[in-house]
PDB file of all heavy atoms in Angstrom:
ATOM      1  N   VAL A   1     -36.236 -37.113   1.473  1.00  0.00           N
ATOM      2  CA  VAL A   1     -35.497 -37.174   0.210  1.00  0.00           C
ATOM      3  C   VAL A   1     -34.896 -35.808  -0.107  1.00  0.00           C
ATOM      4  O   VAL A   1     -33.731 -35.705  -0.507  1.00  0.00           O
ATOM      5  CB  VAL A   1     -36.410 -37.672  -0.934  1.00  0.00           C
ATOM      6  CG1 VAL A   1     -35.707 -37.566  -2.270  1.00  0.00           C
ATOM      7  CG2 VAL A   1     -36.847 -39.097  -0.689  1.00  0.00           C
ATOM      8  N   LEU A   2     -35.661 -34.761   0.090  1.00  0.00           N
ATOM      9  CA  LEU A   2     -35.152 -33.408  -0.152  1.00  0.00           C
ATOM     10  C   LEU A   2     -34.017 -33.058   0.808  1.00  0.00           C
ATOM     11  O   LEU A   2     -33.019 -32.435   0.411  1.00  0.00           O
ATOM     12  CB  LEU A   2     -36.276 -32.387  -0.033  1.00  0.00           C
ATOM     13  CG  LEU A   2     -37.320 -32.397  -1.144  1.00  0.00           C
ATOM     14  CD1 LEU A   2     -38.457 -31.452  -0.807  1.00  0.00           C
ATOM     15  CD2 LEU A   2     -36.689 -32.031  -2.467  1.00  0.00           C
ATOM     16  N   ALA A   3     -34.146 -33.464   2.056  1.00  0.00           N
ATOM     17  CA  ALA A   3     -33.086 -33.205   3.031  1.00  0.00           C
ATOM     18  C   ALA A   3     -31.811 -33.957   2.657  1.00  0.00           C
ATOM     19  O   ALA A   3     -30.712 -33.399   2.744  1.00  0.00           O
ATOM     20  CB  ALA A   3     -33.549 -33.597   4.422  1.00  0.00           C
ATOM     21  N   MET A   4     -31.936 -35.202   2.245  1.00  0.00           N
ATOM     22  CA  MET A   4     -30.764 -35.978   1.815  1.00  0.00           C
ATOM     23  C   MET A   4     -30.099 -35.338   0.607  1.00  0.00           C
ATOM     24  O   MET A   4     -28.870 -35.283   0.505  1.00  0.00           O
ATOM     25  CB  MET A   4     -31.170 -37.414   1.481  1.00  0.00           C
ATOM     26  CG  MET A   4     -31.368 -38.287   2.675  1.00  0.00           C
ATOM     27  SD  MET A   4     -29.861 -38.538   3.595  1.00  0.00           S
ATOM     28  CE  MET A   4     -28.853 -39.345   2.380  1.00  0.00           C
ATOM     29  N   PHE A   5     -30.908 -34.864  -0.332  1.00  0.00           N
ATOM     30  CA  PHE A   5     -30.361 -34.199  -1.515  1.00  0.00           C
ATOM     31  C   PHE A   5     -29.621 -32.931  -1.111  1.00  0.00           C
ATOM     32  O   PHE A   5     -28.536 -32.652  -1.624  1.00  0.00           O
ATOM     33  CB  PHE A   5     -31.495 -33.878  -2.495  1.00  0.00           C
ATOM     34  CG  PHE A   5     -31.007 -33.321  -3.790  1.00  0.00           C
ATOM     35  CD1 PHE A   5     -30.399 -34.127  -4.733  1.00  0.00           C
ATOM     36  CD2 PHE A   5     -31.141 -31.974  -4.070  1.00  0.00           C
ATOM     37  CE1 PHE A   5     -29.943 -33.607  -5.933  1.00  0.00           C
ATOM     38  CE2 PHE A   5     -30.684 -31.443  -5.262  1.00  0.00           C
ATOM     39  CZ  PHE A   5     -30.089 -32.260  -6.201  1.00  0.00           C
ATOM     40  N   ALA A   6     -30.156 -32.167  -0.181  1.00  0.00           N
ATOM     41  CA  ALA A   6     -29.494 -30.939   0.279  1.00  0.00           C
ATOM     42  C   ALA A   6     -28.191 -31.258   1.002  1.00  0.00           C
ATOM     43  O   ALA A   6     -27.174 -30.580   0.780  1.00  0.00           O
ATOM     44  CB  ALA A   6     -30.423 -30.144   1.199  1.00  0.00           C
ATOM     45  N   ILE A   7     -28.178 -32.280   1.835  1.00  0.00           N
ATOM     46  CA  ILE A   7     -26.962 -32.681   2.544  1.00  0.00           C
ATOM     47  C   ILE A   7     -25.894 -33.140   1.559  1.00  0.00           C
ATOM     48  O   ILE A   7     -24.730 -32.740   1.641  1.00  0.00           O
ATOM     49  CB  ILE A   7     -27.273 -33.778   3.580  1.00  0.00           C
ATOM     50  CG1 ILE A   7     -28.128 -33.214   4.711  1.00  0.00           C
ATOM     51  CG2 ILE A   7     -26.003 -34.409   4.126  1.00  0.00           C
ATOM     52  CD1 ILE A   7     -28.701 -34.272   5.632  1.00  0.00           C
ATOM     53  N   THR A   8     -26.289 -33.957   0.592  1.00  0.00           N
ATOM     54  CA  THR A   8     -25.334 -34.474  -0.390  1.00  0.00           C
ATOM     55  C   THR A   8     -24.791 -33.371  -1.276  1.00  0.00           C
ATOM     56  O   THR A   8     -23.589 -33.300  -1.539  1.00  0.00           O
ATOM     57  CB  THR A   8     -25.997 -35.568  -1.247  1.00  0.00           C
ATOM     58  OG1 THR A   8     -26.535 -36.562  -0.382  1.00  0.00           O
ATOM     59  CG2 THR A   8     -25.017 -36.203  -2.199  1.00  0.00           C
ATOM     60  N   ALA A   9     -25.664 -32.492  -1.755  1.00  0.00           N
ATOM     61  CA  ALA A   9     -25.222 -31.407  -2.638  1.00  0.00           C
ATOM     62  C   ALA A   9     -24.307 -30.436  -1.898  1.00  0.00           C
ATOM     63  O   ALA A   9     -23.277 -30.007  -2.433  1.00  0.00           O
ATOM     64  CB  ALA A   9     -26.432 -30.666  -3.200  1.00  0.00           C
ATOM     65  N   SER A  10     -24.643 -30.100  -0.676  1.00  0.00           N
ATOM     66  CA  SER A  10     -23.809 -29.193   0.109  1.00  0.00           C
ATOM     67  C   SER A  10     -22.431 -29.790   0.366  1.00  0.00           C
ATOM     68  O   SER A  10     -21.411 -29.100   0.231  1.00  0.00           O
ATOM     69  CB  SER A  10     -24.504 -28.869   1.432  1.00  0.00           C
ATOM     70  OG  SER A  10     -23.680 -28.085   2.235  1.00  0.00           O
ATOM     71  N   THR A  11     -22.390 -31.063   0.709  1.00  0.00           N
ATOM     72  CA  THR A  11     -21.110 -31.727   0.939  1.00  0.00           C
ATOM     73  C   THR A  11     -20.295 -31.808  -0.348  1.00  0.00           C
ATOM     74  O   THR A  11     -19.082 -31.587  -0.331  1.00  0.00           O
ATOM     75  CB  THR A  11     -21.352 -33.132   1.513  1.00  0.00           C
ATOM     76  OG1 THR A  11     -22.145 -33.023   2.696  1.00  0.00           O
ATOM     77  CG2 THR A  11     -20.050 -33.828   1.838  1.00  0.00           C
ATOM     78  N   ALA A  12     -20.951 -32.087  -1.466  1.00  0.00           N
ATOM     79  CA  ALA A  12     -20.234 -32.166  -2.743  1.00  0.00           C
ATOM     80  C   ALA A  12     -19.643 -30.810  -3.127  1.00  0.00           C
ATOM     81  O   ALA A  12     -18.491 -30.739  -3.595  1.00  0.00           O
ATOM     82  CB  ALA A  12     -21.178 -32.664  -3.833  1.00  0.00           C
ATOM     83  N   PHE A  13     -20.385 -29.742  -2.946  1.00  0.00           N
ATOM     84  CA  PHE A  13     -19.863 -28.406  -3.266  1.00  0.00           C
ATOM     85  C   PHE A  13     -18.691 -28.037  -2.353  1.00  0.00           C
ATOM     86  O   PHE A  13     -17.696 -27.463  -2.811  1.00  0.00           O
ATOM     87  CB  PHE A  13     -20.955 -27.347  -3.166  1.00  0.00           C
ATOM     88  CG  PHE A  13     -21.876 -27.329  -4.343  1.00  0.00           C
ATOM     89  CD1 PHE A  13     -23.241 -27.395  -4.166  1.00  0.00           C
ATOM     90  CD2 PHE A  13     -21.395 -27.238  -5.630  1.00  0.00           C
ATOM     91  CE1 PHE A  13     -24.108 -27.385  -5.244  1.00  0.00           C
ATOM     92  CE2 PHE A  13     -22.238 -27.218  -6.725  1.00  0.00           C
ATOM     93  CZ  PHE A  13     -23.606 -27.297  -6.525  1.00  0.00           C
ATOM     94  N   ALA A  14     -18.786 -28.369  -1.075  1.00  0.00           N
ATOM     95  CA  ALA A  14     -17.704 -28.045  -0.138  1.00  0.00           C
ATOM     96  C   ALA A  14     -16.436 -28.819  -0.475  1.00  0.00           C
ATOM     97  O   ALA A  14     -15.336 -28.253  -0.496  1.00  0.00           O
ATOM     98  CB  ALA A  14     -18.144 -28.334   1.295  1.00  0.00           C
ATOM     99  N   VAL A  15     -16.563 -30.103  -0.764  1.00  0.00           N
ATOM    100  CA  VAL A  15     -15.397 -30.909  -1.114  1.00  0.00           C
ATOM    101  C   VAL A  15     -14.819 -30.465  -2.461  1.00  0.00           C
ATOM    102  O   VAL A  15     -13.598 -30.429  -2.635  1.00  0.00           O
ATOM    103  CB  VAL A  15     -15.750 -32.410  -1.108  1.00  0.00           C
ATOM    104  CG1 VAL A  15     -14.633 -33.252  -1.678  1.00  0.00           C
ATOM    105  CG2 VAL A  15     -16.087 -32.866   0.288  1.00  0.00           C
ATOM    106  N   ALA A  16     -15.679 -30.099  -3.400  1.00  0.00           N
ATOM    107  CA  ALA A  16     -15.193 -29.617  -4.702  1.00  0.00           C
ATOM    108  C   ALA A  16     -14.412 -28.314  -4.552  1.00  0.00           C
ATOM    109  O   ALA A  16     -13.340 -28.157  -5.140  1.00  0.00           O
ATOM    110  CB  ALA A  16     -16.368 -29.425  -5.655  1.00  0.00           C
ATOM    111  N   ALA A  17     -14.920 -27.384  -3.757  1.00  0.00           N
ATOM    112  CA  ALA A  17     -14.205 -26.119  -3.561  1.00  0.00           C
ATOM    113  C   ALA A  17     -12.886 -26.350  -2.844  1.00  0.00           C
ATOM    114  O   ALA A  17     -11.860 -25.746  -3.203  1.00  0.00           O
ATOM    115  CB  ALA A  17     -15.071 -25.144  -2.775  1.00  0.00           C
ATOM    116  N   LEU A  18     -12.876 -27.214  -1.845  1.00  0.00           N
ATOM    117  CA  LEU A  18     -11.643 -27.539  -1.147  1.00  0.00           C
ATOM    118  C   LEU A  18     -10.644 -28.211  -2.087  1.00  0.00           C
ATOM    119  O   LEU A  18      -9.439 -27.916  -2.050  1.00  0.00           O
ATOM    120  CB  LEU A  18     -11.937 -28.438   0.054  1.00  0.00           C
ATOM    121  CG  LEU A  18     -10.766 -28.833   0.934  1.00  0.00           C
ATOM    122  CD1 LEU A  18     -10.190 -27.608   1.625  1.00  0.00           C
ATOM    123  CD2 LEU A  18     -11.200 -29.862   1.948  1.00  0.00           C
ATOM    124  N   SER A  19     -11.126 -29.070  -2.956  1.00  0.00           N
ATOM    125  CA  SER A  19     -10.254 -29.751  -3.920  1.00  0.00           C
ATOM    126  C   SER A  19      -9.668 -28.782  -4.934  1.00  0.00           C
ATOM    127  O   SER A  19      -8.486 -28.875  -5.285  1.00  0.00           O
ATOM    128  CB  SER A  19     -11.027 -30.851  -4.645  1.00  0.00           C
ATOM    129  OG  SER A  19     -11.508 -31.798  -3.735  1.00  0.00           O
ATOM    130  N   ILE A  20     -10.484 -27.861  -5.422  1.00  0.00           N
ATOM    131  CA  ILE A  20      -9.989 -26.875  -6.392  1.00  0.00           C
ATOM    132  C   ILE A  20      -8.938 -25.982  -5.745  1.00  0.00           C
ATOM    133  O   ILE A  20      -7.878 -25.721  -6.330  1.00  0.00           O
ATOM    134  CB  ILE A  20     -11.159 -26.057  -6.962  1.00  0.00           C
ATOM    135  CG1 ILE A  20     -12.030 -26.943  -7.847  1.00  0.00           C
ATOM    136  CG2 ILE A  20     -10.655 -24.853  -7.753  1.00  0.00           C
ATOM    137  CD1 ILE A  20     -13.330 -26.302  -8.244  1.00  0.00           C
ATOM    138  N   TRP A  21      -9.203 -25.512  -4.531  1.00  0.00           N
ATOM    139  CA  TRP A  21      -8.222 -24.695  -3.833  1.00  0.00           C
ATOM    140  C   TRP A  21      -6.921 -25.460  -3.620  1.00  0.00           C
ATOM    141  O   TRP A  21      -5.829 -24.936  -3.834  1.00  0.00           O
ATOM    142  CB  TRP A  21      -8.783 -24.227  -2.493  1.00  0.00           C
ATOM    143  CG  TRP A  21      -7.754 -23.558  -1.654  1.00  0.00           C
ATOM    144  CD1 TRP A  21      -7.280 -22.293  -1.774  1.00  0.00           C
ATOM    145  CD2 TRP A  21      -7.042 -24.155  -0.570  1.00  0.00           C
ATOM    146  NE1 TRP A  21      -6.321 -22.061  -0.819  1.00  0.00           N
ATOM    147  CE2 TRP A  21      -6.153 -23.185  -0.069  1.00  0.00           C
ATOM    148  CE3 TRP A  21      -7.080 -25.406   0.036  1.00  0.00           C
ATOM    149  CZ2 TRP A  21      -5.309 -23.437   0.999  1.00  0.00           C
ATOM    150  CZ3 TRP A  21      -6.239 -25.645   1.098  1.00  0.00           C
ATOM    151  CH2 TRP A  21      -5.374 -24.671   1.566  1.00  0.00           C
ATOM    152  N   SER A  22      -7.044 -26.704  -3.209  1.00  0.00           N
ATOM    153  CA  SER A  22      -5.862 -27.509  -2.954  1.00  0.00           C
ATOM    154  C   SER A  22      -5.070 -27.771  -4.229  1.00  0.00           C
ATOM    155  O   SER A  22      -3.841 -27.732  -4.229  1.00  0.00           O
ATOM    156  CB  SER A  22      -6.270 -28.835  -2.314  1.00  0.00           C
ATOM    157  OG  SER A  22      -5.154 -29.631  -2.068  1.00  0.00           O
ATOM    158  N   SER A  23      -5.762 -28.011  -5.338  1.00  0.00           N
ATOM    159  CA  SER A  23      -5.052 -28.268  -6.590  1.00  0.00           C
ATOM    160  C   SER A  23      -4.361 -27.021  -7.128  1.00  0.00           C
ATOM    161  O   SER A  23      -3.320 -27.109  -7.767  1.00  0.00           O
ATOM    162  CB  SER A  23      -6.011 -28.824  -7.638  1.00  0.00           C
ATOM    163  OG  SER A  23      -6.939 -27.841  -8.029  1.00  0.00           O
ATOM    164  N   VAL A  24      -4.907 -25.858  -6.841  1.00  0.00           N
ATOM    165  CA  VAL A  24      -4.261 -24.621  -7.263  1.00  0.00           C
ATOM    166  C   VAL A  24      -3.018 -24.362  -6.415  1.00  0.00           C
ATOM    167  O   VAL A  24      -2.008 -23.863  -6.913  1.00  0.00           O
ATOM    168  CB  VAL A  24      -5.258 -23.439  -7.174  1.00  0.00           C
ATOM    169  CG1 VAL A  24      -4.558 -22.120  -7.329  1.00  0.00           C
ATOM    170  CG2 VAL A  24      -6.316 -23.577  -8.251  1.00  0.00           C
ATOM    171  N   GLN A  25      -3.057 -24.699  -5.152  1.00  0.00           N
ATOM    172  CA  GLN A  25      -1.942 -24.439  -4.244  1.00  0.00           C
ATOM    173  C   GLN A  25      -0.800 -25.440  -4.400  1.00  0.00           C
ATOM    174  O   GLN A  25       0.356 -25.098  -4.169  1.00  0.00           O
ATOM    175  CB  GLN A  25      -2.422 -24.454  -2.790  1.00  0.00           C
ATOM    176  CG  GLN A  25      -3.433 -23.391  -2.460  1.00  0.00           C
ATOM    177  CD  GLN A  25      -2.869 -21.995  -2.615  1.00  0.00           C
ATOM    178  OE1 GLN A  25      -1.718 -21.745  -2.356  1.00  0.00           O
ATOM    179  NE2 GLN A  25      -3.699 -21.079  -3.071  1.00  0.00           N
ATOM    180  N   ALA A  26      -1.109 -26.655  -4.770  1.00  0.00           N
ATOM    181  CA  ALA A  26      -0.094 -27.704  -4.817  1.00  0.00           C
ATOM    182  C   ALA A  26       0.643 -27.707  -6.153  1.00  0.00           C
ATOM    183  O   ALA A  26       0.099 -27.307  -7.180  1.00  0.00           O
ATOM    184  CB  ALA A  26      -0.741 -29.065  -4.584  1.00  0.00           C
ATOM    185  N   ARG A  27       1.865 -28.177  -6.103  1.00  0.00           N
ATOM    186  CA  ARG A  27       2.657 -28.287  -7.338  1.00  0.00           C
ATOM    187  C   ARG A  27       2.313 -29.552  -8.110  1.00  0.00           C
ATOM    188  O   ARG A  27       2.395 -29.576  -9.319  1.00  0.00           O
ATOM    189  CB  ARG A  27       4.140 -28.286  -7.003  1.00  0.00           C
ATOM    190  CG  ARG A  27       4.640 -26.964  -6.507  1.00  0.00           C
ATOM    191  CD  ARG A  27       6.157 -26.984  -6.431  1.00  0.00           C
ATOM    192  NE  ARG A  27       6.671 -25.744  -5.924  1.00  0.00           N
ATOM    193  CZ  ARG A  27       6.992 -24.707  -6.689  1.00  0.00           C
ATOM    194  NH1 ARG A  27       6.819 -24.786  -7.979  1.00  0.00           N
ATOM    195  NH2 ARG A  27       7.462 -23.613  -6.149  1.00  0.00           N
ATOM    196  N   ARG A  28       1.974 -30.618  -7.401  1.00  0.00           N
ATOM    197  CA  ARG A  28       1.652 -31.886  -8.044  1.00  0.00           C
ATOM    198  C   ARG A  28       0.248 -32.320  -7.642  1.00  0.00           C
ATOM    199  O   ARG A  28      -0.230 -32.001  -6.555  1.00  0.00           O
ATOM    200  CB  ARG A  28       2.651 -32.960  -7.623  1.00  0.00           C
ATOM    201  CG  ARG A  28       4.057 -32.690  -8.113  1.00  0.00           C
ATOM    202  CD  ARG A  28       4.965 -33.774  -7.665  1.00  0.00           C
ATOM    203  NE  ARG A  28       4.984 -33.800  -6.197  1.00  0.00           N
ATOM    204  CZ  ARG A  28       5.968 -34.273  -5.492  1.00  0.00           C
ATOM    205  NH1 ARG A  28       7.009 -34.775  -6.084  1.00  0.00           N
ATOM    206  NH2 ARG A  28       5.920 -34.273  -4.178  1.00  0.00           N
TER     207      ARG A  28
END
């Protein structure tokens, strides 16, 4: 359960950072 939580949290943070960077770079 702890390993699944770590995998999910790490993936969520990576996708969130990628999304924020992408939204700052894009016009729309």
